[in-house]
């Protein structure tokens, strides 16, 4: 689901595990990342705001 919402920000590896391409998120991408986190059907993602 996260890859479908934000394909430039998330990739699902061959093992089925989501791999974020970066450790930080730009302010411009924050809204779509928050949507992806909230939409994760298995709650595998967390948003940690520094």
N, C-alpha and C. Protein backbone atom coordinates (compact mmCIF):
# COMPACT_ATOMS: atom_id res chain seq x y z
N UNK A 1 0.82 -1.19 0.00
CA UNK A 1 0.00 0.00 0.00
C UNK A 1 0.87 1.26 0.00
N UNK A 2 1.91 1.29 0.84
CA UNK A 2 2.73 2.50 0.90
C UNK A 2 3.44 2.76 -0.43
N UNK A 3 3.85 1.70 -1.08
CA UNK A 3 4.52 1.85 -2.37
C UNK A 3 3.55 2.40 -3.42
N UNK A 4 2.29 2.01 -3.34
CA UNK A 4 1.30 2.52 -4.28
C UNK A 4 1.01 3.99 -4.04
N UNK A 5 1.00 4.41 -2.78
CA UNK A 5 0.72 5.81 -2.46
C UNK A 5 1.91 6.73 -2.72
N UNK A 6 3.10 6.22 -2.50
CA UNK A 6 4.30 7.05 -2.64
C UNK A 6 5.44 6.24 -3.26
N UNK A 7 5.34 5.89 -4.53
CA UNK A 7 6.35 5.03 -5.15
C UNK A 7 7.75 5.64 -5.19
N UNK A 8 7.84 6.94 -5.15
CA UNK A 8 9.17 7.58 -5.14
C UNK A 8 9.81 7.52 -3.76
N UNK A 9 9.02 7.21 -2.74
CA UNK A 9 9.53 7.22 -1.37
C UNK A 9 9.66 5.85 -0.74
N UNK A 10 8.91 4.87 -1.22
CA UNK A 10 8.95 3.52 -0.65
C UNK A 10 9.12 2.50 -1.76
N UNK A 11 9.87 1.45 -1.44
CA UNK A 11 10.02 0.33 -2.36
C UNK A 11 9.88 -0.97 -1.56
N UNK A 12 9.19 -1.92 -2.16
CA UNK A 12 9.06 -3.23 -1.52
C UNK A 12 10.15 -4.12 -2.12
N UNK A 13 11.02 -4.63 -1.27
CA UNK A 13 12.12 -5.47 -1.71
C UNK A 13 11.64 -6.85 -2.13
N UNK A 14 12.54 -7.63 -2.67
CA UNK A 14 12.22 -8.98 -3.12
C UNK A 14 11.70 -9.86 -1.99
N UNK A 15 12.10 -9.52 -0.75
CA UNK A 15 11.66 -10.29 0.40
C UNK A 15 10.31 -9.81 0.96
N UNK A 16 9.72 -8.78 0.30
CA UNK A 16 8.43 -8.27 0.73
C UNK A 16 8.50 -7.21 1.81
N UNK A 17 9.72 -6.84 2.20
CA UNK A 17 9.92 -5.83 3.24
C UNK A 17 10.04 -4.45 2.59
N UNK A 18 9.37 -3.47 3.18
CA UNK A 18 9.42 -2.11 2.66
C UNK A 18 10.77 -1.48 2.98
N UNK A 19 11.33 -0.84 1.96
CA UNK A 19 12.62 -0.18 2.12
C UNK A 19 12.47 1.30 1.80
N UNK A 20 12.52 2.17 2.81
CA UNK A 20 12.50 3.59 2.50
C UNK A 20 13.84 3.99 1.90
N UNK A 21 13.84 4.81 0.85
CA UNK A 21 15.10 5.15 0.19
C UNK A 21 15.94 6.16 0.95
N UNK A 22 15.39 6.81 1.96
CA UNK A 22 16.15 7.83 2.70
C UNK A 22 15.75 7.79 4.17
N UNK A 23 16.62 8.32 5.01
CA UNK A 23 16.33 8.36 6.44
C UNK A 23 15.48 9.56 6.82
N UNK A 24 15.44 10.57 5.97
CA UNK A 24 14.66 11.75 6.29
C UNK A 24 13.67 12.03 5.16
N UNK A 25 12.66 12.81 5.49
CA UNK A 25 11.61 13.16 4.54
C UNK A 25 11.58 14.67 4.38
N UNK A 26 11.50 15.12 3.16
CA UNK A 26 11.43 16.56 2.92
C UNK A 26 10.06 17.08 3.37
N UNK A 27 9.98 18.33 3.74
CA UNK A 27 8.69 18.90 4.13
C UNK A 27 7.64 18.75 3.03
N UNK A 28 8.06 18.80 1.78
CA UNK A 28 7.12 18.65 0.67
C UNK A 28 6.51 17.24 0.61
N UNK A 29 7.23 16.23 1.11
CA UNK A 29 6.76 14.84 1.06
C UNK A 29 6.08 14.39 2.36
N UNK A 30 6.09 15.22 3.38
CA UNK A 30 5.60 14.82 4.70
C UNK A 30 4.14 14.37 4.68
N UNK A 31 3.29 15.05 3.93
CA UNK A 31 1.87 14.71 3.91
C UNK A 31 1.63 13.33 3.29
N UNK A 32 2.30 13.04 2.19
CA UNK A 32 2.10 11.75 1.53
C UNK A 32 2.71 10.62 2.37
N UNK A 33 3.80 10.88 3.06
CA UNK A 33 4.39 9.86 3.93
C UNK A 33 3.44 9.57 5.10
N UNK A 34 2.88 10.61 5.69
CA UNK A 34 1.92 10.42 6.78
C UNK A 34 0.72 9.60 6.31
N UNK A 35 0.24 9.87 5.10
CA UNK A 35 -0.88 9.11 4.54
C UNK A 35 -0.48 7.64 4.35
N UNK A 36 0.73 7.40 3.85
CA UNK A 36 1.20 6.03 3.66
C UNK A 36 1.31 5.29 5.00
N UNK A 37 1.82 5.96 6.01
CA UNK A 37 1.93 5.34 7.34
C UNK A 37 0.54 5.00 7.87
N UNK A 38 -0.39 5.94 7.76
CA UNK A 38 -1.75 5.70 8.25
C UNK A 38 -2.48 4.63 7.46
N UNK A 39 -2.10 4.42 6.20
CA UNK A 39 -2.79 3.47 5.33
C UNK A 39 -2.18 2.07 5.34
N UNK A 40 -1.09 1.88 6.03
CA UNK A 40 -0.42 0.58 6.05
C UNK A 40 -1.34 -0.48 6.68
N UNK A 41 -1.72 -1.49 5.93
CA UNK A 41 -2.68 -2.47 6.44
C UNK A 41 -2.15 -3.35 7.57
N UNK A 42 -0.84 -3.43 7.71
CA UNK A 42 -0.27 -4.26 8.78
C UNK A 42 0.47 -3.42 9.82
N UNK A 43 0.29 -2.12 9.76
CA UNK A 43 0.91 -1.18 10.69
C UNK A 43 2.41 -1.40 10.82
N UNK A 44 3.05 -1.61 9.68
CA UNK A 44 4.49 -1.87 9.66
C UNK A 44 5.32 -0.59 9.64
N UNK A 45 4.67 0.55 9.43
CA UNK A 45 5.39 1.81 9.33
C UNK A 45 5.09 2.69 10.54
N UNK A 46 6.09 3.48 10.93
CA UNK A 46 5.93 4.46 11.99
C UNK A 46 6.48 5.78 11.52
N UNK A 47 5.89 6.85 11.98
CA UNK A 47 6.37 8.20 11.70
C UNK A 47 7.00 8.72 12.98
N UNK A 48 8.28 9.01 12.94
CA UNK A 48 8.99 9.58 14.09
C UNK A 48 9.42 10.98 13.70
N UNK A 49 8.82 11.97 14.34
CA UNK A 49 9.10 13.36 14.01
C UNK A 49 10.17 13.89 14.95
N UNK A 50 11.30 14.26 14.37
CA UNK A 50 12.39 14.80 15.20
C UNK A 50 12.20 16.26 15.46
